[in-house]
Amino acid sequence: MRLATWNVNSVKARLPRLLDWLADTKPDVVCLQETKCPDGAFPVAEVGALGYAVASHSDGRWNGVAILSRVGLTDVTLGFPGEPGFPDPEARALSATCAGLRVWSVYVPNGRTLDDPHYGYKLTWLGALRDTLEVELTGSAPLVVCGDFNVAPTDADVWDPALFTGSTHVTPAERAALAALRDLGLADVVPTPMKGPHPFTYWDYRAGMFHQNKGMRIDLVYASAPFARVVRAAYVDREARKGKGPSDHAPIVVDADLVPAVETF
């Protein structure tokens, strides 16, 4: 099975690139974040022409998550029990079963600044996600949680740790929230970088950050043991970050020796 996750930073703005990438990369399952489309406006027909069923959770101009699958898409759940809001729950989590694999696409709140209420919302949201995943992991199906977590797990996951002092994405509390997810038995599937020693997945649009490889690893794939132990390869697809009008994130692609329960097409 080939699994991918990508913060597309607007599926409408990135649609031609997304379609070309799907045709070239041929993932079986794709988790998308920051789709930024009104509810019901996801380009289902366009990705359907490539053989993908779609589950989408959107609430307007911001946020938005989706799962695309060409190996089955059942048991779709929008959000999760006890999901906090700001003030109302947002379109940040979506789960489905794809060929026997339980797949989550998540877009974790940014947090903004340490003195902003959004930071507390972020930590509460991650804690509630952990509680839900703890229950889901009691099932027998392998499970993956993919997406833009807006947290760099370690100092090695930011291009210059000193520049992030006093900022979100790197605080002990945020990293502890990620560690609490891993403590459930989830493994961090670290992709191979395609340039330099660090598998960064996000680069600011400004000041040539991408070309200087001044990035962050904030897009993550956390997998339960039954999936993690059959991962054959994982990489950051930097090519998808190049060219005209890219997202500021690159996809992660994971190949696993997990046989889909239905035929791909």
C-alpha atoms as a PDB file:
ATOM      1  CA  MET A   1       0.000   0.000   0.000  1.00  0.00           C
ATOM      2  CA  ARG A   2       1.158   3.521  -0.780  1.00  0.00           C
ATOM      3  CA  LEU A   3      -0.056   6.129   1.732  1.00  0.00           C
ATOM      4  CA  ALA A   4       0.532   9.873   1.509  1.00  0.00           C
ATOM      5  CA  THR A   5      -0.237  13.009   3.479  1.00  0.00           C
ATOM      6  CA  TRP A   6      -0.140  16.571   2.172  1.00  0.00           C
ATOM      7  CA  ASN A   7      -1.172  19.990   3.428  1.00  0.00           C
ATOM      8  CA  VAL A   8      -2.245  21.398   0.068  1.00  0.00           C
ATOM      9  CA  ASN A   9      -2.979  24.938   1.326  1.00  0.00           C
ATOM     10  CA  SER A  10      -6.236  25.201  -0.692  1.00  0.00           C
ATOM     11  CA  VAL A  11      -7.375  22.319  -2.856  1.00  0.00           C
ATOM     12  CA  LYS A  12      -8.947  24.734  -5.341  1.00  0.00           C
ATOM     13  CA  ALA A  13      -5.751  26.728  -5.818  1.00  0.00           C
ATOM     14  CA  ARG A  14      -3.658  23.565  -6.030  1.00  0.00           C
ATOM     15  CA  LEU A  15      -6.054  21.335  -8.017  1.00  0.00           C
ATOM     16  CA  PRO A  16      -4.064  21.010 -11.287  1.00  0.00           C
ATOM     17  CA  ARG A  17      -0.930  20.215  -9.298  1.00  0.00           C
ATOM     18  CA  LEU A  18      -2.815  17.750  -7.097  1.00  0.00           C
ATOM     19  CA  LEU A  19      -4.280  15.914 -10.071  1.00  0.00           C
ATOM     20  CA  ASP A  20      -0.912  15.661 -11.817  1.00  0.00           C
ATOM     21  CA  TRP A  21       0.709  14.464  -8.603  1.00  0.00           C
ATOM     22  CA  LEU A  22      -1.954  11.811  -8.019  1.00  0.00           C
ATOM     23  CA  ALA A  23      -1.534  10.547 -11.585  1.00  0.00           C
ATOM     24  CA  ASP A  24       2.258  10.396 -11.281  1.00  0.00           C
ATOM     25  CA  THR A  25       2.659   9.138  -7.690  1.00  0.00           C
ATOM     26  CA  LYS A  26      -0.355   6.809  -7.627  1.00  0.00           C
ATOM     27  CA  PRO A  27      -0.926   6.642  -3.859  1.00  0.00           C
ATOM     28  CA  ASP A  28      -3.623   4.253  -2.664  1.00  0.00           C
ATOM     29  CA  VAL A  29      -4.693   6.542   0.176  1.00  0.00           C
ATOM     30  CA  VAL A  30      -4.077  10.273   0.551  1.00  0.00           C
ATOM     31  CA  CYS A  31      -4.717  12.456   3.587  1.00  0.00           C
ATOM     32  CA  LEU A  32      -5.118  16.143   2.740  1.00  0.00           C
ATOM     33  CA  GLN A  33      -5.165  19.124   5.062  1.00  0.00           C
ATOM     34  CA  GLU A  34      -6.030  22.810   4.770  1.00  0.00           C
ATOM     35  CA  THR A  35      -8.341  22.106   1.864  1.00  0.00           C
ATOM     36  CA  LYS A  36     -10.044  25.481   2.432  1.00  0.00           C
ATOM     37  CA  CYS A  37     -13.199  24.736   0.478  1.00  0.00           C
ATOM     38  CA  PRO A  38     -16.831  25.241   1.482  1.00  0.00           C
ATOM     39  CA  ASP A  39     -18.715  22.173   2.606  1.00  0.00           C
ATOM     40  CA  GLY A  40     -19.744  20.171  -0.454  1.00  0.00           C
ATOM     41  CA  ALA A  41     -17.359  22.007  -2.791  1.00  0.00           C
ATOM     42  CA  PHE A  42     -14.508  19.491  -2.824  1.00  0.00           C
ATOM     43  CA  PRO A  43     -13.593  18.532  -6.443  1.00  0.00           C
ATOM     44  CA  VAL A  44     -14.975  15.010  -6.118  1.00  0.00           C
ATOM     45  CA  ALA A  45     -15.509  14.498  -9.860  1.00  0.00           C
ATOM     46  CA  GLU A  46     -11.975  15.515 -10.770  1.00  0.00           C
ATOM     47  CA  VAL A  47     -10.223  13.169  -8.347  1.00  0.00           C
ATOM     48  CA  GLY A  48     -12.884  10.538  -8.991  1.00  0.00           C
ATOM     49  CA  ALA A  49     -11.780  10.428 -12.617  1.00  0.00           C
ATOM     50  CA  LEU A  50      -8.456   9.100 -11.314  1.00  0.00           C
ATOM     51  CA  GLY A  51     -10.185   6.350  -9.360  1.00  0.00           C
ATOM     52  CA  TYR A  52     -10.431   7.952  -5.925  1.00  0.00           C
ATOM     53  CA  ALA A  53     -13.377   7.958  -3.566  1.00  0.00           C
ATOM     54  CA  VAL A  54     -13.500  11.042  -1.360  1.00  0.00           C
ATOM     55  CA  ALA A  55     -14.372  11.821   2.233  1.00  0.00           C
ATOM     56  CA  SER A  56     -14.203  15.530   3.027  1.00  0.00           C
ATOM     57  CA  HIS A  57     -14.774  17.611   6.131  1.00  0.00           C
ATOM     58  CA  SER A  58     -14.911  21.353   5.423  1.00  0.00           C
ATOM     59  CA  ASP A  59     -16.292  24.473   7.040  1.00  0.00           C
ATOM     60  CA  GLY A  60     -15.469  27.284   4.661  1.00  0.00           C
ATOM     61  CA  ARG A  61     -12.435  29.400   3.824  1.00  0.00           C
ATOM     62  CA  TRP A  62     -10.140  27.926   6.469  1.00  0.00           C
ATOM     63  CA  ASN A  63      -9.074  24.518   7.751  1.00  0.00           C
ATOM     64  CA  GLY A  64     -10.574  21.466   6.041  1.00  0.00           C
ATOM     65  CA  VAL A  65      -9.384  17.861   5.794  1.00  0.00           C
ATOM     66  CA  ALA A  66     -10.006  15.070   3.315  1.00  0.00           C
ATOM     67  CA  ILE A  67      -9.175  11.424   2.660  1.00  0.00           C
ATOM     68  CA  LEU A  68      -8.882  10.093  -0.887  1.00  0.00           C
ATOM     69  CA  SER A  69      -8.832   6.341  -1.427  1.00  0.00           C
ATOM     70  CA  ARG A  70      -8.805   3.951  -4.355  1.00  0.00           C
ATOM     71  CA  VAL A  71      -8.882   0.878  -2.083  1.00  0.00           C
ATOM     72  CA  GLY A  72     -12.174   1.462  -0.293  1.00  0.00           C
ATOM     73  CA  LEU A  73     -13.561   4.120   2.014  1.00  0.00           C
ATOM     74  CA  THR A  74     -15.891   3.105   4.846  1.00  0.00           C
ATOM     75  CA  ASP A  75     -16.737   4.018   8.441  1.00  0.00           C
ATOM     76  CA  VAL A  76     -16.149   7.716   7.783  1.00  0.00           C
ATOM     77  CA  THR A  77     -16.199   9.884  10.899  1.00  0.00           C
ATOM     78  CA  LEU A  78     -16.079  13.683  10.971  1.00  0.00           C
ATOM     79  CA  GLY A  79     -14.221  15.037  13.974  1.00  0.00           C
ATOM     80  CA  PHE A  80     -14.045  13.036  17.182  1.00  0.00           C
ATOM     81  CA  PRO A  81     -15.848  12.764  20.541  1.00  0.00           C
ATOM     82  CA  GLY A  82     -15.039  15.597  22.906  1.00  0.00           C
ATOM     83  CA  GLU A  83     -13.314  17.634  20.193  1.00  0.00           C
ATOM     84  CA  PRO A  84     -12.849  21.185  21.526  1.00  0.00           C
ATOM     85  CA  GLY A  85     -13.698  24.219  19.445  1.00  0.00           C
ATOM     86  CA  PHE A  86     -12.648  27.830  19.048  1.00  0.00           C
ATOM     87  CA  PRO A  87     -15.352  28.411  20.140  1.00  0.00           C
ATOM     88  CA  ASP A  88     -17.112  25.802  17.973  1.00  0.00           C
ATOM     89  CA  PRO A  89     -15.487  22.614  16.640  1.00  0.00           C
ATOM     90  CA  GLU A  90     -13.671  23.171  13.358  1.00  0.00           C
ATOM     91  CA  ALA A  91     -12.993  20.932  10.340  1.00  0.00           C
ATOM     92  CA  ARG A  92      -9.695  19.555  11.598  1.00  0.00           C
ATOM     93  CA  ALA A  93     -10.075  15.776  11.870  1.00  0.00           C
ATOM     94  CA  LEU A  94     -11.470  13.064   9.645  1.00  0.00           C
ATOM     95  CA  SER A  95     -11.125   9.292   9.880  1.00  0.00           C
ATOM     96  CA  ALA A  96     -12.068   6.369   7.658  1.00  0.00           C
ATOM     97  CA  THR A  97     -11.232   2.736   7.039  1.00  0.00           C
ATOM     98  CA  CYS A  98      -9.368   2.022   3.804  1.00  0.00           C
ATOM     99  CA  ALA A  99      -8.698  -1.624   2.916  1.00  0.00           C
ATOM    100  CA  GLY A 100      -8.611  -2.604   6.572  1.00  0.00           C
ATOM    101  CA  LEU A 101      -6.410   0.325   7.624  1.00  0.00           C
ATOM    102  CA  ARG A 102      -7.872   2.946   9.950  1.00  0.00           C
ATOM    103  CA  VAL A 103      -6.711   6.296   8.579  1.00  0.00           C
ATOM    104  CA  TRP A 104      -6.861   9.708  10.250  1.00  0.00           C
ATOM    105  CA  SER A 105      -6.239  13.025   8.496  1.00  0.00           C
ATOM    106  CA  VAL A 106      -5.632  15.802  11.024  1.00  0.00           C
ATOM    107  CA  TYR A 107      -4.893  19.502  10.860  1.00  0.00           C
ATOM    108  CA  VAL A 108      -3.796  20.531  14.346  1.00  0.00           C
ATOM    109  CA  PRO A 109      -4.478  24.139  15.406  1.00  0.00           C
ATOM    110  CA  ASN A 110      -1.536  26.473  14.821  1.00  0.00           C
ATOM    111  CA  GLY A 111      -1.436  28.016  18.297  1.00  0.00           C
ATOM    112  CA  ARG A 112      -0.403  31.449  16.949  1.00  0.00           C
ATOM    113  CA  THR A 113       1.541  32.851  19.910  1.00  0.00           C
ATOM    114  CA  LEU A 114       2.191  31.648  23.452  1.00  0.00           C
ATOM    115  CA  ASP A 115      -0.078  34.307  24.954  1.00  0.00           C
ATOM    116  CA  ASP A 116      -2.919  33.724  22.485  1.00  0.00           C
ATOM    117  CA  PRO A 117      -5.974  31.655  23.532  1.00  0.00           C
ATOM    118  CA  HIS A 118      -5.366  29.626  20.372  1.00  0.00           C
ATOM    119  CA  TYR A 119      -2.281  28.118  22.025  1.00  0.00           C
ATOM    120  CA  GLY A 120      -4.357  26.709  24.872  1.00  0.00           C
ATOM    121  CA  TYR A 121      -6.895  25.487  22.319  1.00  0.00           C
ATOM    122  CA  LYS A 122      -4.102  23.670  20.483  1.00  0.00           C
ATOM    123  CA  LEU A 123      -2.953  21.821  23.592  1.00  0.00           C
ATOM    124  CA  THR A 124      -6.509  20.937  24.613  1.00  0.00           C
ATOM    125  CA  TRP A 125      -7.245  19.715  21.077  1.00  0.00           C
ATOM    126  CA  LEU A 126      -4.194  17.462  21.050  1.00  0.00           C
ATOM    127  CA  GLY A 127      -5.140  16.065  24.445  1.00  0.00           C
ATOM    128  CA  ALA A 128      -8.658  15.259  23.267  1.00  0.00           C
ATOM    129  CA  LEU A 129      -7.263  13.600  20.141  1.00  0.00           C
ATOM    130  CA  ARG A 130      -5.058  11.434  22.319  1.00  0.00           C
ATOM    131  CA  ASP A 131      -8.062  10.297  24.366  1.00  0.00           C
ATOM    132  CA  THR A 132      -9.943   9.312  21.224  1.00  0.00           C
ATOM    133  CA  LEU A 133      -6.991   7.470  19.695  1.00  0.00           C
ATOM    134  CA  GLU A 134      -6.476   5.543  22.918  1.00  0.00           C
ATOM    135  CA  VAL A 135      -9.945   4.072  22.440  1.00  0.00           C
ATOM    136  CA  GLU A 136      -9.472   3.437  18.710  1.00  0.00           C
ATOM    137  CA  LEU A 137      -6.222   1.593  19.332  1.00  0.00           C
ATOM    138  CA  THR A 138      -8.045  -1.049  21.337  1.00  0.00           C
ATOM    139  CA  GLY A 139      -9.403  -2.334  18.020  1.00  0.00           C
ATOM    140  CA  SER A 140      -7.643  -4.884  15.844  1.00  0.00           C
ATOM    141  CA  ALA A 141      -7.164  -2.757  12.725  1.00  0.00           C
ATOM    142  CA  PRO A 142      -3.788  -1.124  12.012  1.00  0.00           C
ATOM    143  CA  LEU A 143      -4.008   2.647  12.374  1.00  0.00           C
ATOM    144  CA  VAL A 144      -2.215   5.701  11.035  1.00  0.00           C
ATOM    145  CA  VAL A 145      -2.646   9.344  12.009  1.00  0.00           C
ATOM    146  CA  CYS A 146      -1.340  11.637   9.274  1.00  0.00           C
ATOM    147  CA  GLY A 147      -1.287  15.335   8.789  1.00  0.00           C
ATOM    148  CA  ASP A 148      -0.056  18.777   9.668  1.00  0.00           C
ATOM    149  CA  PHE A 149       0.561  18.658  13.407  1.00  0.00           C
ATOM    150  CA  ASN A 150       2.009  22.189  13.601  1.00  0.00           C
ATOM    151  CA  VAL A 151       4.623  20.886  16.048  1.00  0.00           C
ATOM    152  CA  ALA A 152       8.269  20.058  15.355  1.00  0.00           C
ATOM    153  CA  PRO A 153       9.011  16.982  17.507  1.00  0.00           C
ATOM    154  CA  THR A 154      12.661  17.876  18.248  1.00  0.00           C
ATOM    155  CA  ASP A 155      15.170  20.675  17.719  1.00  0.00           C
ATOM    156  CA  ALA A 156      16.536  18.678  14.775  1.00  0.00           C
ATOM    157  CA  ASP A 157      13.179  19.264  13.069  1.00  0.00           C
ATOM    158  CA  VAL A 158      13.663  23.033  12.669  1.00  0.00           C
ATOM    159  CA  TRP A 159      16.371  24.664  10.617  1.00  0.00           C
ATOM    160  CA  ASP A 160      17.578  26.970  13.437  1.00  0.00           C
ATOM    161  CA  PRO A 161      16.234  26.172  16.933  1.00  0.00           C
ATOM    162  CA  ALA A 162      17.515  29.456  18.364  1.00  0.00           C
ATOM    163  CA  LEU A 163      15.240  31.457  16.084  1.00  0.00           C
ATOM    164  CA  PHE A 164      12.173  29.670  17.465  1.00  0.00           C
ATOM    165  CA  THR A 165      12.817  30.440  21.120  1.00  0.00           C
ATOM    166  CA  GLY A 166       9.630  31.861  22.623  1.00  0.00           C
ATOM    167  CA  SER A 167       7.516  30.711  19.677  1.00  0.00           C
ATOM    168  CA  THR A 168       4.899  28.059  19.167  1.00  0.00           C
ATOM    169  CA  HIS A 169       5.595  24.761  17.369  1.00  0.00           C
ATOM    170  CA  VAL A 170       8.622  23.958  19.553  1.00  0.00           C
ATOM    171  CA  THR A 171       7.505  24.448  23.158  1.00  0.00           C
ATOM    172  CA  PRO A 172       7.904  21.697  25.769  1.00  0.00           C
ATOM    173  CA  ALA A 173       4.105  21.519  26.193  1.00  0.00           C
ATOM    174  CA  GLU A 174       3.492  20.985  22.481  1.00  0.00           C
ATOM    175  CA  ARG A 175       6.214  18.367  22.241  1.00  0.00           C
ATOM    176  CA  ALA A 176       4.864  16.644  25.336  1.00  0.00           C
ATOM    177  CA  ALA A 177       1.463  16.433  23.627  1.00  0.00           C
ATOM    178  CA  LEU A 178       3.115  14.647  20.686  1.00  0.00           C
ATOM    179  CA  ALA A 179       4.991  12.366  23.046  1.00  0.00           C
ATOM    180  CA  ALA A 180       1.673  11.446  24.678  1.00  0.00           C
ATOM    181  CA  LEU A 181       0.449  10.244  21.275  1.00  0.00           C
ATOM    182  CA  ARG A 182       3.567   8.142  20.782  1.00  0.00           C
ATOM    183  CA  ASP A 183       3.146   6.743  24.282  1.00  0.00           C
ATOM    184  CA  LEU A 184      -0.058   5.128  23.044  1.00  0.00           C
ATOM    185  CA  GLY A 185       2.147   2.861  20.937  1.00  0.00           C
ATOM    186  CA  LEU A 186       2.306   5.023  17.817  1.00  0.00           C
ATOM    187  CA  ALA A 187       5.596   5.144  15.933  1.00  0.00           C
ATOM    188  CA  ASP A 188       6.899   8.255  14.195  1.00  0.00           C
ATOM    189  CA  VAL A 189       7.459   7.196  10.575  1.00  0.00           C
ATOM    190  CA  VAL A 190      10.315   9.555   9.744  1.00  0.00           C
ATOM    191  CA  PRO A 191      10.683  10.074   5.992  1.00  0.00           C
ATOM    192  CA  THR A 192      13.926  10.186   4.071  1.00  0.00           C
ATOM    193  CA  PRO A 193      14.900  13.748   3.144  1.00  0.00           C
ATOM    194  CA  MET A 194      15.431  14.380  -0.547  1.00  0.00           C
ATOM    195  CA  LYS A 195      17.902  17.187   0.171  1.00  0.00           C
ATOM    196  CA  GLY A 196      20.227  17.674   3.117  1.00  0.00           C
ATOM    197  CA  PRO A 197      20.139  15.783   6.417  1.00  0.00           C
ATOM    198  CA  HIS A 198      16.717  16.900   7.658  1.00  0.00           C
ATOM    199  CA  PRO A 199      13.336  15.627   6.406  1.00  0.00           C
ATOM    200  CA  PHE A 200      11.658  19.022   6.475  1.00  0.00           C
ATOM    201  CA  THR A 201       8.103  19.189   5.153  1.00  0.00           C
ATOM    202  CA  TYR A 202       7.307  22.924   5.409  1.00  0.00           C
ATOM    203  CA  TRP A 203       9.109  26.011   4.171  1.00  0.00           C
ATOM    204  CA  ASP A 204       7.846  29.584   4.444  1.00  0.00           C
ATOM    205  CA  TYR A 205       7.123  31.206   1.089  1.00  0.00           C
ATOM    206  CA  ARG A 206       9.226  34.222   2.010  1.00  0.00           C
ATOM    207  CA  ALA A 207      12.909  34.977   1.503  1.00  0.00           C
ATOM    208  CA  GLY A 208      13.788  31.902  -0.521  1.00  0.00           C
ATOM    209  CA  MET A 209      13.406  29.635   2.486  1.00  0.00           C
ATOM    210  CA  PHE A 210      12.716  26.547   0.376  1.00  0.00           C
ATOM    211  CA  HIS A 211      15.762  26.943  -1.841  1.00  0.00           C
ATOM    212  CA  GLN A 212      17.943  27.432   1.248  1.00  0.00           C
ATOM    213  CA  ASN A 213      16.265  24.428   2.911  1.00  0.00           C
ATOM    214  CA  LYS A 214      15.325  26.523   5.928  1.00  0.00           C
ATOM    215  CA  GLY A 215      12.308  24.483   6.900  1.00  0.00           C
ATOM    216  CA  MET A 216      10.517  22.503   9.582  1.00  0.00           C
ATOM    217  CA  ARG A 217       9.246  18.947   9.985  1.00  0.00           C
ATOM    218  CA  ILE A 218       5.682  19.501  11.152  1.00  0.00           C
ATOM    219  CA  ASP A 219       3.840  17.078   8.864  1.00  0.00           C
ATOM    220  CA  LEU A 220       3.917  13.668  10.504  1.00  0.00           C
ATOM    221  CA  VAL A 221       2.837  10.074  10.062  1.00  0.00           C
ATOM    222  CA  TYR A 222       2.180   8.287  13.360  1.00  0.00           C
ATOM    223  CA  ALA A 223       1.479   4.583  12.964  1.00  0.00           C
ATOM    224  CA  SER A 224       0.426   1.706  15.185  1.00  0.00           C
ATOM    225  CA  ALA A 225       2.799  -1.258  15.330  1.00  0.00           C
ATOM    226  CA  PRO A 226       0.962  -3.438  12.765  1.00  0.00           C
ATOM    227  CA  PHE A 227       1.476  -0.739  10.148  1.00  0.00           C
ATOM    228  CA  ALA A 228       4.826   0.635  11.303  1.00  0.00           C
ATOM    229  CA  ARG A 229       6.537  -2.749  11.147  1.00  0.00           C
ATOM    230  CA  VAL A 230       5.614  -3.265   7.483  1.00  0.00           C
ATOM    231  CA  VAL A 231       6.768   0.183   6.304  1.00  0.00           C
ATOM    232  CA  ARG A 232       9.266  -0.390   3.518  1.00  0.00           C
ATOM    233  CA  ALA A 233      10.129   3.217   2.651  1.00  0.00           C
ATOM    234  CA  ALA A 234       9.062   6.798   3.303  1.00  0.00           C
ATOM    235  CA  TYR A 235      10.184  10.032   1.717  1.00  0.00           C
ATOM    236  CA  VAL A 236       9.443  13.737   1.490  1.00  0.00           C
ATOM    237  CA  ASP A 237       8.413  14.571  -2.074  1.00  0.00           C
ATOM    238  CA  ARG A 238      10.255  17.865  -2.482  1.00  0.00           C
ATOM    239  CA  GLU A 239       9.457  17.938  -6.197  1.00  0.00           C
ATOM    240  CA  ALA A 240       5.838  18.750  -5.306  1.00  0.00           C
ATOM    241  CA  ARG A 241       7.063  21.899  -3.514  1.00  0.00           C
ATOM    242  CA  LYS A 242       8.834  23.219  -6.610  1.00  0.00           C
ATOM    243  CA  GLY A 243       7.587  25.140  -9.621  1.00  0.00           C
ATOM    244  CA  LYS A 244       4.793  27.648 -10.023  1.00  0.00           C
ATOM    245  CA  GLY A 245       2.168  28.036  -7.307  1.00  0.00           C
ATOM    246  CA  PRO A 246       3.088  25.226  -4.894  1.00  0.00           C
ATOM    247  CA  SER A 247       1.776  24.634  -1.406  1.00  0.00           C
ATOM    248  CA  ASP A 248       4.189  25.681   1.320  1.00  0.00           C
ATOM    249  CA  HIS A 249       4.207  22.014   2.428  1.00  0.00           C
ATOM    250  CA  ALA A 250       5.570  18.954   0.634  1.00  0.00           C
ATOM    251  CA  PRO A 251       3.835  15.564   0.710  1.00  0.00           C
ATOM    252  CA  ILE A 252       5.112  12.589   2.657  1.00  0.00           C
ATOM    253  CA  VAL A 253       4.821   9.288   0.797  1.00  0.00           C
ATOM    254  CA  VAL A 254       4.938   5.975   2.674  1.00  0.00           C
ATOM    255  CA  ASP A 255       5.206   2.542   1.077  1.00  0.00           C
ATOM    256  CA  ALA A 256       4.178  -0.386   3.262  1.00  0.00           C
ATOM    257  CA  ASP A 257       3.894  -4.117   2.672  1.00  0.00           C
ATOM    258  CA  LEU A 258       0.267  -4.049   3.689  1.00  0.00           C
ATOM    259  CA  VAL A 259      -1.848  -5.842   1.124  1.00  0.00           C
ATOM    260  CA  PRO A 260      -5.050  -3.904   0.376  1.00  0.00           C
ATOM    261  CA  ALA A 261      -8.207  -5.849   1.164  1.00  0.00           C
ATOM    262  CA  VAL A 262      -9.681  -4.843  -2.209  1.00  0.00           C
ATOM    263  CA  GLU A 263      -8.119  -4.437  -5.643  1.00  0.00           C
ATOM    264  CA  THR A 264      -6.777  -1.031  -6.604  1.00  0.00           C
ATOM    265  CA  PHE A 265      -7.961   0.578  -9.805  1.00  0.00           C
END
